[in-house]
Amino acid sequence: MGNVIFKIMVAVALAHFLALIGILGFAMTTGRLDDEKAQQYLATWRGEKLVPPPPVVEVVEQKESPQQAENRIAETEKKREKISREVQLYLELLESMQGTVQTARDTLEKDRKKLRQQQKLFAAKLKEHNEKISNESFRKTLAKYSAIKASSVKDDFMHMEQDDVVRYLTAMKPDVATAILQKFRTPEEQTRRRDLIKKMEQFGVIDVAKK
């Protein structure tokens, strides 16, 4: 008997549960019951206590007033003007630096031209000075060779550069040069003498060449 009563109680409870599930399902399907309410009903049926959900705070977006919009635009314009001034200053600085570099280049080029002119002038003066010293030395040596014995001059001329010997011979009086050339008597000296005479003929010293 007790077993039959228990089965009847279970059957009644199951019927109630199925009925509740059906009602909840129908309500949710038709949109009459959301998930939160369904969870609350189920919890109540199970004897549980639910904590009420926190209230939903609706955030109302405040519209910008004309004064706020004007202030915001003015602030943006100030920032734009500041950036514009900084860019302009940077461009001016860059232009100034470019001008300074160009001026430095022009100055350097002028200095280079001036230095080249000074180098040319110095080279010309140095050449003139060397020529003067050379001419003075040549005249002194020529005077010495014209005064000493021809045999001594011949010995010097055998060890001197050929062009230098020809320079001295062509600057001497023909009789002095001829006397010196007559002292070239050995085969080696005769070869040297012929080379000198040939060279002197190129300078037009005919008197010495004929002799």
N, C-alpha and C. Protein backbone atom coordinates (compact mmCIF):
# COMPACT_ATOMS: atom_id res chain seq x y z
N MET A 1 0.84 -1.20 0.00
CA MET A 1 0.00 0.00 0.00
C MET A 1 0.87 1.25 0.00
N GLY A 2 1.88 1.24 0.85
CA GLY A 2 2.80 2.39 0.91
C GLY A 2 3.52 2.58 -0.42
N ASN A 3 3.82 1.44 -1.07
CA ASN A 3 4.53 1.52 -2.36
C ASN A 3 3.65 2.18 -3.41
N VAL A 4 2.36 1.91 -3.39
CA VAL A 4 1.42 2.48 -4.37
C VAL A 4 1.28 3.97 -4.13
N ILE A 5 1.21 4.36 -2.85
CA ILE A 5 1.08 5.79 -2.53
C ILE A 5 2.32 6.56 -3.00
N PHE A 6 3.49 5.95 -2.81
CA PHE A 6 4.74 6.60 -3.23
C PHE A 6 4.77 6.82 -4.74
N LYS A 7 4.32 5.77 -5.47
CA LYS A 7 4.30 5.89 -6.93
C LYS A 7 3.35 6.98 -7.38
N ILE A 8 2.18 7.08 -6.68
CA ILE A 8 1.22 8.12 -7.04
C ILE A 8 1.81 9.50 -6.81
N MET A 9 2.55 9.69 -5.71
CA MET A 9 3.15 10.98 -5.39
C MET A 9 4.23 11.37 -6.42
N VAL A 10 4.96 10.36 -6.82
CA VAL A 10 6.01 10.62 -7.83
C VAL A 10 5.39 11.02 -9.14
N ALA A 11 4.28 10.31 -9.51
CA ALA A 11 3.61 10.61 -10.76
C ALA A 11 3.03 12.00 -10.75
N VAL A 12 2.44 12.42 -9.61
CA VAL A 12 1.88 13.77 -9.50
C VAL A 12 2.97 14.83 -9.60
N ALA A 13 4.10 14.56 -8.90
CA ALA A 13 5.22 15.53 -8.93
C ALA A 13 5.79 15.66 -10.34
N LEU A 14 5.89 14.51 -11.02
CA LEU A 14 6.41 14.55 -12.39
C LEU A 14 5.49 15.30 -13.30
N ALA A 15 4.20 15.12 -13.11
CA ALA A 15 3.22 15.83 -13.94
C ALA A 15 3.33 17.33 -13.72
N HIS A 16 3.46 17.74 -12.44
CA HIS A 16 3.64 19.17 -12.16
C HIS A 16 4.93 19.74 -12.80
N PHE A 17 5.98 18.93 -12.72
CA PHE A 17 7.27 19.39 -13.29
C PHE A 17 7.17 19.56 -14.79
N LEU A 18 6.54 18.56 -15.45
CA LEU A 18 6.39 18.65 -16.90
C LEU A 18 5.50 19.82 -17.28
N ALA A 19 4.48 20.05 -16.49
CA ALA A 19 3.58 21.17 -16.77
C ALA A 19 4.33 22.50 -16.64
N LEU A 20 5.18 22.61 -15.59
CA LEU A 20 5.94 23.82 -15.38
C LEU A 20 6.93 24.06 -16.52
N ILE A 21 7.58 22.98 -16.93
CA ILE A 21 8.54 23.09 -18.04
C ILE A 21 7.83 23.53 -19.30
N GLY A 22 6.64 22.96 -19.52
CA GLY A 22 5.88 23.34 -20.71
C GLY A 22 5.49 24.81 -20.69
N ILE A 23 5.03 25.27 -19.52
CA ILE A 23 4.62 26.67 -19.40
C ILE A 23 5.80 27.60 -19.63
N LEU A 24 6.94 27.25 -19.01
CA LEU A 24 8.13 28.09 -19.18
C LEU A 24 8.60 28.10 -20.62
N GLY A 25 8.56 26.92 -21.25
CA GLY A 25 8.99 26.85 -22.65
C GLY A 25 8.08 27.66 -23.54
N PHE A 26 6.77 27.59 -23.31
CA PHE A 26 5.82 28.35 -24.12
C PHE A 26 6.02 29.84 -23.92
N ALA A 27 6.28 30.24 -22.67
CA ALA A 27 6.47 31.66 -22.37
C ALA A 27 7.73 32.20 -23.03
N MET A 28 8.81 31.41 -23.00
CA MET A 28 10.05 31.85 -23.60
C MET A 28 9.96 31.90 -25.11
N THR A 29 9.22 30.91 -25.67
CA THR A 29 9.08 30.87 -27.13
C THR A 29 8.28 32.05 -27.63
N THR A 30 7.27 32.43 -26.92
CA THR A 30 6.41 33.54 -27.35
C THR A 30 6.95 34.89 -26.93
N GLY A 31 8.11 34.90 -26.23
CA GLY A 31 8.71 36.16 -25.83
C GLY A 31 8.15 36.72 -24.55
N ARG A 32 7.30 36.00 -23.86
CA ARG A 32 6.70 36.51 -22.63
C ARG A 32 7.59 36.28 -21.40
N LEU A 33 8.61 35.48 -21.57
CA LEU A 33 9.49 35.16 -20.44
C LEU A 33 10.92 35.17 -20.93
N ASP A 34 11.76 36.02 -20.33
CA ASP A 34 13.17 36.04 -20.72
C ASP A 34 13.94 35.05 -19.88
N ASP A 35 15.25 34.92 -20.14
CA ASP A 35 16.09 33.93 -19.43
C ASP A 35 16.16 34.22 -17.94
N GLU A 36 16.20 35.49 -17.59
CA GLU A 36 16.35 35.84 -16.18
C GLU A 36 15.11 35.44 -15.37
N LYS A 37 13.95 35.70 -15.93
CA LYS A 37 12.72 35.33 -15.23
C LYS A 37 12.57 33.82 -15.16
N ALA A 38 12.97 33.15 -16.24
CA ALA A 38 12.88 31.68 -16.23
C ALA A 38 13.75 31.11 -15.13
N GLN A 39 14.97 31.65 -14.98
CA GLN A 39 15.85 31.18 -13.91
C GLN A 39 15.25 31.45 -12.54
N GLN A 40 14.57 32.58 -12.40
CA GLN A 40 13.93 32.89 -11.11
C GLN A 40 12.79 31.91 -10.81
N TYR A 41 11.96 31.59 -11.79
CA TYR A 41 10.87 30.63 -11.59
C TYR A 41 11.40 29.25 -11.22
N LEU A 42 12.42 28.83 -11.95
CA LEU A 42 12.98 27.51 -11.65
C LEU A 42 13.57 27.47 -10.24
N ALA A 43 14.26 28.55 -9.86
CA ALA A 43 14.84 28.59 -8.53
C ALA A 43 13.75 28.57 -7.47
N THR A 44 12.68 29.31 -7.71
CA THR A 44 11.56 29.32 -6.75
C THR A 44 10.93 27.93 -6.64
N TRP A 45 10.78 27.23 -7.79
CA TRP A 45 10.20 25.89 -7.77
C TRP A 45 11.09 24.92 -7.02
N ARG A 46 12.50 25.16 -7.12
CA ARG A 46 13.43 24.27 -6.41
C ARG A 46 13.60 24.68 -4.96
N GLY A 47 13.02 25.80 -4.57
CA GLY A 47 13.13 26.26 -3.19
C GLY A 47 14.40 27.05 -2.95
N GLU A 48 15.06 27.52 -4.01
CA GLU A 48 16.28 28.30 -3.86
C GLU A 48 15.94 29.78 -3.77
N LYS A 49 16.94 30.55 -3.22
CA LYS A 49 16.76 31.98 -3.08
C LYS A 49 17.75 32.69 -4.01
N LEU A 50 17.19 33.45 -4.90
CA LEU A 50 18.04 34.17 -5.87
C LEU A 50 18.32 35.57 -5.39
N VAL A 51 19.56 36.01 -5.65
CA VAL A 51 19.93 37.40 -5.37
C VAL A 51 19.40 38.25 -6.51
N PRO A 52 18.68 39.27 -6.23
CA PRO A 52 18.13 40.10 -7.31
C PRO A 52 19.24 40.74 -8.13
N PRO A 53 19.08 40.77 -9.42
CA PRO A 53 20.13 41.35 -10.28
C PRO A 53 20.28 42.83 -10.01
N PRO A 54 21.48 43.34 -10.21
CA PRO A 54 21.71 44.79 -9.97
C PRO A 54 20.87 45.60 -10.95
N PRO A 55 20.42 46.72 -10.49
CA PRO A 55 19.61 47.57 -11.37
C PRO A 55 20.42 48.07 -12.57
N VAL A 56 19.78 48.12 -13.68
CA VAL A 56 20.43 48.58 -14.90
C VAL A 56 20.45 50.10 -14.91
N VAL A 57 21.67 50.62 -14.96
CA VAL A 57 21.83 52.08 -14.98
C VAL A 57 21.87 52.53 -16.43
N GLU A 58 20.97 53.30 -16.79
CA GLU A 58 20.89 53.77 -18.16
C GLU A 58 21.77 55.03 -18.31
N VAL A 59 22.74 54.90 -19.19
CA VAL A 59 23.67 56.02 -19.43
C VAL A 59 23.05 56.92 -20.48
N VAL A 60 22.79 58.11 -20.05
CA VAL A 60 22.19 59.07 -20.97
C VAL A 60 23.30 59.96 -21.51
N GLU A 61 23.52 59.91 -22.78
CA GLU A 61 24.57 60.72 -23.42
C GLU A 61 24.09 62.17 -23.49
N GLN A 62 24.91 63.00 -22.84
CA GLN A 62 24.54 64.41 -22.83
C GLN A 62 24.97 65.07 -24.13
N LYS A 63 24.13 65.82 -24.68
CA LYS A 63 24.43 66.53 -25.91
C LYS A 63 25.33 67.72 -25.61
N GLU A 64 26.25 67.97 -26.55
CA GLU A 64 27.18 69.07 -26.40
C GLU A 64 26.45 70.39 -26.64
N SER A 65 26.64 71.29 -25.69
CA SER A 65 25.98 72.59 -25.83
C SER A 65 26.73 73.43 -26.87
N PRO A 66 26.08 74.43 -27.42
CA PRO A 66 26.75 75.31 -28.39
C PRO A 66 28.01 75.95 -27.82
N GLN A 67 27.97 76.33 -26.52
CA GLN A 67 29.15 76.94 -25.90
C GLN A 67 30.30 75.94 -25.80
N GLN A 68 29.96 74.68 -25.42
CA GLN A 68 30.99 73.65 -25.34
C GLN A 68 31.59 73.36 -26.72
N ALA A 69 30.71 73.30 -27.72
CA ALA A 69 31.20 73.06 -29.08
C ALA A 69 32.11 74.19 -29.52
N GLU A 70 31.72 75.43 -29.17
CA GLU A 70 32.54 76.59 -29.54
C GLU A 70 33.88 76.55 -28.84
N ASN A 71 33.88 76.17 -27.55
CA ASN A 71 35.13 76.07 -26.80
C ASN A 71 36.04 74.98 -27.37
N ARG A 72 35.40 73.85 -27.71
CA ARG A 72 36.20 72.74 -28.28
C ARG A 72 36.83 73.15 -29.61
N ILE A 73 36.07 73.82 -30.45
CA ILE A 73 36.59 74.26 -31.75
C ILE A 73 37.71 75.28 -31.55
N ALA A 74 37.52 76.19 -30.58
CA ALA A 74 38.54 77.20 -30.30
C ALA A 74 39.83 76.56 -29.81
N GLU A 75 39.70 75.56 -28.93
CA GLU A 75 40.88 74.86 -28.42
C GLU A 75 41.61 74.13 -29.54
N THR A 76 40.85 73.47 -30.42
CA THR A 76 41.45 72.78 -31.56
C THR A 76 42.17 73.76 -32.48
N GLU A 77 41.57 74.95 -32.68
CA GLU A 77 42.19 75.96 -33.53
C GLU A 77 43.49 76.47 -32.91
N LYS A 78 43.50 76.63 -31.58
CA LYS A 78 44.73 77.06 -30.90
C LYS A 78 45.85 76.04 -31.09
N LYS A 79 45.49 74.76 -30.94
CA LYS A 79 46.50 73.71 -31.12
C LYS A 79 47.02 73.71 -32.57
N ARG A 80 46.09 73.91 -33.53
CA ARG A 80 46.50 73.92 -34.93
C ARG A 80 47.43 75.09 -35.23
N GLU A 81 47.08 76.26 -34.67
CA GLU A 81 47.92 77.44 -34.87
C GLU A 81 49.29 77.26 -34.23
N LYS A 82 49.33 76.63 -33.06
CA LYS A 82 50.61 76.38 -32.39
C LYS A 82 51.48 75.46 -33.23
N ILE A 83 50.90 74.39 -33.74
CA ILE A 83 51.65 73.47 -34.59
C ILE A 83 52.11 74.17 -35.85
N SER A 84 51.24 75.02 -36.43
CA SER A 84 51.59 75.76 -37.64
C SER A 84 52.76 76.69 -37.38
N ARG A 85 52.78 77.38 -36.24
CA ARG A 85 53.88 78.28 -35.91
C ARG A 85 55.18 77.51 -35.72
N GLU A 86 55.10 76.36 -35.05
CA GLU A 86 56.30 75.55 -34.84
C GLU A 86 56.87 75.05 -36.17
N VAL A 87 55.98 74.64 -37.07
CA VAL A 87 56.44 74.19 -38.40
C VAL A 87 57.08 75.34 -39.17
N GLN A 88 56.46 76.53 -39.07
CA GLN A 88 57.00 77.70 -39.76
C GLN A 88 58.37 78.07 -39.22
N LEU A 89 58.52 78.02 -37.89
CA LEU A 89 59.82 78.32 -37.29
C LEU A 89 60.87 77.31 -37.72
N TYR A 90 60.45 76.05 -37.79
CA TYR A 90 61.38 75.01 -38.24
C TYR A 90 61.82 75.25 -39.68
N LEU A 91 60.86 75.62 -40.55
CA LEU A 91 61.19 75.89 -41.95
C LEU A 91 62.12 77.10 -42.07
N GLU A 92 61.86 78.14 -41.27
CA GLU A 92 62.73 79.31 -41.30
C GLU A 92 64.13 78.96 -40.82
N LEU A 93 64.20 78.13 -39.76
CA LEU A 93 65.51 77.71 -39.26
C LEU A 93 66.25 76.90 -40.31
N LEU A 94 65.53 76.01 -40.97
CA LEU A 94 66.15 75.19 -42.01
C LEU A 94 66.64 76.06 -43.17
N GLU A 95 65.83 77.03 -43.56
CA GLU A 95 66.23 77.94 -44.64
C GLU A 95 67.46 78.75 -44.24
N SER A 96 67.48 79.19 -42.97
CA SER A 96 68.64 79.94 -42.48
C SER A 96 69.89 79.08 -42.49
N MET A 97 69.74 77.83 -42.09
CA MET A 97 70.89 76.92 -42.09
C MET A 97 71.38 76.68 -43.51
N GLN A 98 70.45 76.54 -44.45
CA GLN A 98 70.85 76.35 -45.84
C GLN A 98 71.61 77.57 -46.36
N GLY A 99 71.10 78.77 -45.98
CA GLY A 99 71.80 79.98 -46.39
C GLY A 99 73.20 80.06 -45.79
N THR A 100 73.33 79.65 -44.53
CA THR A 100 74.64 79.66 -43.88
C THR A 100 75.60 78.69 -44.57
N VAL A 101 75.09 77.52 -44.91
CA VAL A 101 75.93 76.52 -45.60
C VAL A 101 76.36 77.05 -46.96
N GLN A 102 75.44 77.68 -47.70
CA GLN A 102 75.78 78.22 -49.01
C GLN A 102 76.81 79.33 -48.89
N THR A 103 76.64 80.19 -47.87
CA THR A 103 77.62 81.25 -47.64
C THR A 103 79.00 80.68 -47.33
N ALA A 104 79.01 79.62 -46.52
CA ALA A 104 80.28 78.97 -46.19
C ALA A 104 80.92 78.36 -47.43
N ARG A 105 80.09 77.79 -48.30
CA ARG A 105 80.62 77.22 -49.55
C ARG A 105 81.21 78.30 -50.44
N ASP A 106 80.50 79.44 -50.56
CA ASP A 106 80.99 80.54 -51.38
C ASP A 106 82.31 81.08 -50.83
N THR A 107 82.36 81.22 -49.50
CA THR A 107 83.59 81.71 -48.87
C THR A 107 84.74 80.75 -49.09
N LEU A 108 84.45 79.45 -48.98
CA LEU A 108 85.48 78.43 -49.19
C LEU A 108 86.00 78.48 -50.62
N GLU A 109 85.08 78.65 -51.58
CA GLU A 109 85.48 78.71 -52.99
C GLU A 109 86.34 79.95 -53.25
N LYS A 110 85.95 81.09 -52.65
CA LYS A 110 86.77 82.29 -52.79
C LYS A 110 88.16 82.10 -52.19
N ASP A 111 88.20 81.45 -51.02
CA ASP A 111 89.50 81.19 -50.38
C ASP A 111 90.36 80.28 -51.24
N ARG A 112 89.71 79.28 -51.88
CA ARG A 112 90.46 78.37 -52.74
C ARG A 112 91.05 79.12 -53.95
N LYS A 113 90.23 79.99 -54.57
CA LYS A 113 90.72 80.77 -55.71
C LYS A 113 91.87 81.68 -55.28
N LYS A 114 91.71 82.32 -54.12
CA LYS A 114 92.76 83.20 -53.62
C LYS A 114 94.03 82.42 -53.34
N LEU A 115 93.86 81.22 -52.77
CA LEU A 115 95.03 80.38 -52.46
C LEU A 115 95.73 79.95 -53.76
N ARG A 116 94.93 79.59 -54.79
CA ARG A 116 95.54 79.18 -56.07
C ARG A 116 96.30 80.35 -56.69
N GLN A 117 95.73 81.56 -56.60
CA GLN A 117 96.42 82.73 -57.13
C GLN A 117 97.72 82.99 -56.38
N GLN A 118 97.65 82.84 -55.05
CA GLN A 118 98.86 83.03 -54.24
C GLN A 118 99.91 81.98 -54.57
N GLN A 119 99.45 80.73 -54.80
CA GLN A 119 100.39 79.66 -55.16
C GLN A 119 101.06 79.95 -56.50
N LYS A 120 100.26 80.44 -57.48
CA LYS A 120 100.83 80.77 -58.78
C LYS A 120 101.84 81.91 -58.66
N LEU A 121 101.46 82.93 -57.87
CA LEU A 121 102.36 84.07 -57.67
C LEU A 121 103.64 83.64 -56.98
N PHE A 122 103.50 82.77 -55.98
CA PHE A 122 104.68 82.28 -55.26
C PHE A 122 105.57 81.46 -56.19
N ALA A 123 104.93 80.61 -57.00
CA ALA A 123 105.69 79.78 -57.94
C ALA A 123 106.43 80.65 -58.95
N ALA A 124 105.76 81.71 -59.43
CA ALA A 124 106.41 82.61 -60.39
C ALA A 124 107.61 83.32 -59.76
N LYS A 125 107.41 83.81 -58.51
CA LYS A 125 108.51 84.48 -57.83
C LYS A 125 109.66 83.51 -57.54
N LEU A 126 109.31 82.30 -57.15
CA LEU A 126 110.35 81.31 -56.88
C LEU A 126 111.13 80.97 -58.15
N LYS A 127 110.41 80.85 -59.26
CA LYS A 127 111.07 80.57 -60.53
C LYS A 127 112.00 81.71 -60.91
N GLU A 128 111.49 82.94 -60.75
CA GLU A 128 112.31 84.12 -61.06
C GLU A 128 113.55 84.16 -60.19
N HIS A 129 113.35 83.86 -58.91
CA HIS A 129 114.47 83.86 -57.97
C HIS A 129 115.50 82.80 -58.36
N ASN A 130 115.02 81.60 -58.68
CA ASN A 130 115.93 80.51 -59.05
C ASN A 130 116.68 80.84 -60.34
N GLU A 131 115.93 81.44 -61.29
CA GLU A 131 116.58 81.81 -62.55
C GLU A 131 117.65 82.88 -62.33
N LYS A 132 117.33 83.80 -61.44
CA LYS A 132 118.30 84.85 -61.14
C LYS A 132 119.56 84.26 -60.53
N ILE A 133 119.35 83.37 -59.55
CA ILE A 133 120.50 82.73 -58.91
C ILE A 133 121.26 81.89 -59.93
N SER A 134 120.51 81.17 -60.76
CA SER A 134 121.14 80.31 -61.78
C SER A 134 121.94 81.15 -62.77
N ASN A 135 121.34 82.27 -63.19
CA ASN A 135 122.05 83.13 -64.15
C ASN A 135 123.30 83.73 -63.54
N GLU A 136 123.17 84.14 -62.27
CA GLU A 136 124.35 84.71 -61.61
C GLU A 136 125.43 83.65 -61.45
N SER A 137 125.01 82.45 -61.06
CA SER A 137 125.98 81.37 -60.92
C SER A 137 126.58 80.99 -62.27
N PHE A 138 125.72 81.01 -63.31
CA PHE A 138 126.22 80.67 -64.64
C PHE A 138 127.23 81.71 -65.12
N ARG A 139 126.92 82.97 -64.89
CA ARG A 139 127.84 84.02 -65.35
C ARG A 139 129.19 83.94 -64.63
N LYS A 140 129.13 83.65 -63.33
CA LYS A 140 130.37 83.52 -62.58
C LYS A 140 131.20 82.34 -63.08
N THR A 141 130.51 81.20 -63.30
CA THR A 141 131.22 80.01 -63.78
C THR A 141 131.74 80.22 -65.20
N LEU A 142 130.95 80.90 -66.04
CA LEU A 142 131.39 81.18 -67.41
C LEU A 142 132.64 82.06 -67.41
N ALA A 143 132.64 83.04 -66.54
CA ALA A 143 133.81 83.92 -66.45
C ALA A 143 135.04 83.13 -66.00
N LYS A 144 134.81 82.20 -65.08
CA LYS A 144 135.93 81.37 -64.61
C LYS A 144 136.47 80.49 -65.73
N TYR A 145 135.55 79.83 -66.49
CA TYR A 145 135.99 78.95 -67.57
C TYR A 145 136.66 79.73 -68.70
N SER A 146 136.27 80.95 -68.87
CA SER A 146 136.88 81.76 -69.93
C SER A 146 138.27 82.25 -69.54
N ALA A 147 138.60 82.18 -68.25
CA ALA A 147 139.87 82.71 -67.77
C ALA A 147 140.91 81.63 -67.50
N ILE A 148 140.51 80.40 -67.18
CA ILE A 148 141.46 79.34 -66.83
C ILE A 148 141.90 78.60 -68.09
N LYS A 149 142.85 77.66 -67.90
CA LYS A 149 143.39 76.90 -69.02
C LYS A 149 142.31 76.07 -69.68
N ALA A 150 142.40 75.92 -70.99
CA ALA A 150 141.41 75.15 -71.76
C ALA A 150 141.40 73.69 -71.35
N SER A 151 142.57 73.14 -70.99
CA SER A 151 142.65 71.73 -70.60
C SER A 151 141.87 71.47 -69.30
N SER A 152 141.91 72.43 -68.39
CA SER A 152 141.17 72.28 -67.12
C SER A 152 139.67 72.34 -67.38
N VAL A 153 139.28 73.21 -68.28
CA VAL A 153 137.86 73.30 -68.61
C VAL A 153 137.39 72.02 -69.28
N LYS A 154 138.24 71.49 -70.17
CA LYS A 154 137.91 70.24 -70.85
C LYS A 154 137.66 69.13 -69.84
N ASP A 155 138.47 69.03 -68.80
CA ASP A 155 138.29 67.99 -67.79
C ASP A 155 136.93 68.12 -67.08
N ASP A 156 136.56 69.35 -66.81
CA ASP A 156 135.24 69.56 -66.18
C ASP A 156 134.12 69.18 -67.15
N PHE A 157 134.28 69.56 -68.42
CA PHE A 157 133.23 69.31 -69.40
C PHE A 157 133.04 67.81 -69.67
N MET A 158 134.06 67.00 -69.45
CA MET A 158 133.92 65.55 -69.65
C MET A 158 133.00 64.91 -68.60
N HIS A 159 132.86 65.55 -67.46
CA HIS A 159 132.04 64.99 -66.38
C HIS A 159 130.72 65.77 -66.18
N MET A 160 130.47 66.74 -67.04
CA MET A 160 129.28 67.58 -66.91
C MET A 160 128.19 67.11 -67.86
N GLU A 161 126.94 67.45 -67.56
CA GLU A 161 125.84 67.13 -68.47
C GLU A 161 126.07 67.81 -69.81
N GLN A 162 125.71 67.10 -70.88
CA GLN A 162 125.99 67.60 -72.22
C GLN A 162 125.29 68.93 -72.49
N ASP A 163 124.06 69.06 -72.08
CA ASP A 163 123.33 70.30 -72.31
C ASP A 163 123.98 71.46 -71.57
N ASP A 164 124.49 71.23 -70.38
CA ASP A 164 125.17 72.29 -69.63
C ASP A 164 126.47 72.69 -70.34
N VAL A 165 127.20 71.72 -70.87
CA VAL A 165 128.45 72.02 -71.59
C VAL A 165 128.16 72.86 -72.82
N VAL A 166 127.13 72.48 -73.57
CA VAL A 166 126.77 73.23 -74.78
C VAL A 166 126.36 74.66 -74.40
N ARG A 167 125.68 74.80 -73.28
CA ARG A 167 125.26 76.14 -72.85
C ARG A 167 126.49 77.02 -72.59
N TYR A 168 127.49 76.46 -71.93
CA TYR A 168 128.70 77.24 -71.67
C TYR A 168 129.45 77.55 -72.96
N LEU A 169 129.60 76.56 -73.82
CA LEU A 169 130.36 76.76 -75.07
C LEU A 169 129.70 77.79 -75.97
N THR A 170 128.38 77.73 -76.06
CA THR A 170 127.69 78.69 -76.93
C THR A 170 127.70 80.10 -76.36
N ALA A 171 127.91 80.23 -75.04
CA ALA A 171 127.97 81.55 -74.42
C ALA A 171 129.38 82.14 -74.47
N MET A 172 130.37 81.30 -74.74
CA MET A 172 131.76 81.77 -74.81
C MET A 172 132.05 82.43 -76.16
N LYS A 173 133.14 83.14 -76.19
CA LYS A 173 133.62 83.66 -77.46
C LYS A 173 134.05 82.48 -78.33
N PRO A 174 133.88 82.55 -79.63
CA PRO A 174 134.22 81.41 -80.51
C PRO A 174 135.65 80.93 -80.35
N ASP A 175 136.61 81.83 -80.20
CA ASP A 175 138.01 81.39 -80.09
C ASP A 175 138.25 80.65 -78.78
N VAL A 176 137.58 81.06 -77.70
CA VAL A 176 137.72 80.37 -76.42
C VAL A 176 137.10 78.98 -76.49
N ALA A 177 135.91 78.88 -77.08
CA ALA A 177 135.24 77.59 -77.21
C ALA A 177 136.05 76.65 -78.09
N THR A 178 136.63 77.20 -79.19
CA THR A 178 137.43 76.37 -80.09
C THR A 178 138.67 75.85 -79.38
N ALA A 179 139.31 76.68 -78.58
CA ALA A 179 140.51 76.26 -77.85
C ALA A 179 140.20 75.13 -76.89
N ILE A 180 139.02 75.19 -76.28
CA ILE A 180 138.64 74.13 -75.33
C ILE A 180 138.35 72.83 -76.09
N LEU A 181 137.65 72.91 -77.20
CA LEU A 181 137.30 71.70 -77.97
C LEU A 181 138.54 71.03 -78.55
N GLN A 182 139.60 71.81 -78.82
CA GLN A 182 140.82 71.22 -79.37
C GLN A 182 141.55 70.37 -78.35
N LYS A 183 141.20 70.50 -77.07
CA LYS A 183 141.84 69.70 -76.02
C LYS A 183 141.22 68.30 -75.89
N PHE A 184 140.11 68.03 -76.61
CA PHE A 184 139.49 66.70 -76.58
C PHE A 184 140.27 65.80 -77.55
N ARG A 185 141.20 64.96 -77.06
CA ARG A 185 142.11 64.24 -77.95
C ARG A 185 141.98 62.72 -77.84
N THR A 186 141.66 62.17 -76.70
CA THR A 186 141.52 60.72 -76.58
C THR A 186 140.27 60.26 -77.33
N PRO A 187 140.18 58.95 -77.68
CA PRO A 187 138.99 58.48 -78.41
C PRO A 187 137.68 58.82 -77.68
N GLU A 188 137.69 58.65 -76.38
CA GLU A 188 136.48 58.99 -75.61
C GLU A 188 136.18 60.48 -75.69
N GLU A 189 137.27 61.30 -75.60
CA GLU A 189 137.09 62.75 -75.69
C GLU A 189 136.66 63.18 -77.08
N GLN A 190 137.21 62.50 -78.12
CA GLN A 190 136.81 62.83 -79.48
C GLN A 190 135.32 62.55 -79.70
N THR A 191 134.82 61.43 -79.15
CA THR A 191 133.38 61.11 -79.26
C THR A 191 132.55 62.19 -78.57
N ARG A 192 133.02 62.58 -77.42
CA ARG A 192 132.33 63.65 -76.68
C ARG A 192 132.34 64.96 -77.48
N ARG A 193 133.51 65.26 -78.11
CA ARG A 193 133.65 66.49 -78.88
C ARG A 193 132.69 66.50 -80.06
N ARG A 194 132.56 65.37 -80.80
CA ARG A 194 131.65 65.32 -81.94
C ARG A 194 130.20 65.54 -81.50
N ASP A 195 129.83 64.93 -80.38
CA ASP A 195 128.46 65.11 -79.88
C ASP A 195 128.21 66.57 -79.53
N LEU A 196 129.23 67.22 -78.94
CA LEU A 196 129.06 68.62 -78.55
C LEU A 196 128.96 69.53 -79.77
N ILE A 197 129.81 69.26 -80.78
CA ILE A 197 129.77 70.08 -81.99
C ILE A 197 128.44 69.92 -82.71
N LYS A 198 127.96 68.69 -82.79
CA LYS A 198 126.67 68.45 -83.43
C LYS A 198 125.56 69.21 -82.71
N LYS A 199 125.64 69.20 -81.40
CA LYS A 199 124.64 69.91 -80.60
C LYS A 199 124.77 71.41 -80.81
N MET A 200 126.01 71.90 -80.90
CA MET A 200 126.24 73.34 -81.08
C MET A 200 125.80 73.81 -82.45
N GLU A 201 125.91 72.97 -83.48
CA GLU A 201 125.44 73.33 -84.81
C GLU A 201 123.93 73.59 -84.80
N GLN A 202 123.24 72.84 -83.96
CA GLN A 202 121.80 73.05 -83.84
C GLN A 202 121.50 74.43 -83.26
N PHE A 203 122.43 74.98 -82.48
CA PHE A 203 122.26 76.31 -81.90
C PHE A 203 122.83 77.40 -82.83
N GLY A 204 123.37 76.99 -84.00
CA GLY A 204 123.86 77.98 -84.96
C GLY A 204 125.26 78.48 -84.69
N VAL A 205 126.04 77.75 -83.91
CA VAL A 205 127.44 78.15 -83.65
C VAL A 205 128.29 77.61 -84.80
N ILE A 206 128.27 78.28 -85.94
CA ILE A 206 128.89 77.78 -87.18
C ILE A 206 130.42 77.86 -87.08
N ASP A 207 130.91 78.90 -86.48
CA ASP A 207 132.37 79.10 -86.44
C ASP A 207 133.05 77.93 -85.74
N VAL A 208 132.44 77.54 -84.59
CA VAL A 208 133.03 76.42 -83.86
C VAL A 208 132.84 75.14 -84.63
N ALA A 209 131.69 74.93 -85.26
CA ALA A 209 131.42 73.69 -86.00
C ALA A 209 132.38 73.55 -87.17
N LYS A 210 132.69 74.63 -87.88
CA LYS A 210 133.60 74.54 -89.02
C LYS A 210 135.00 74.23 -88.59
N LYS A 211 135.36 74.71 -87.44
CA LYS A 211 136.69 74.43 -86.96
C LYS A 211 136.75 73.06 -86.33
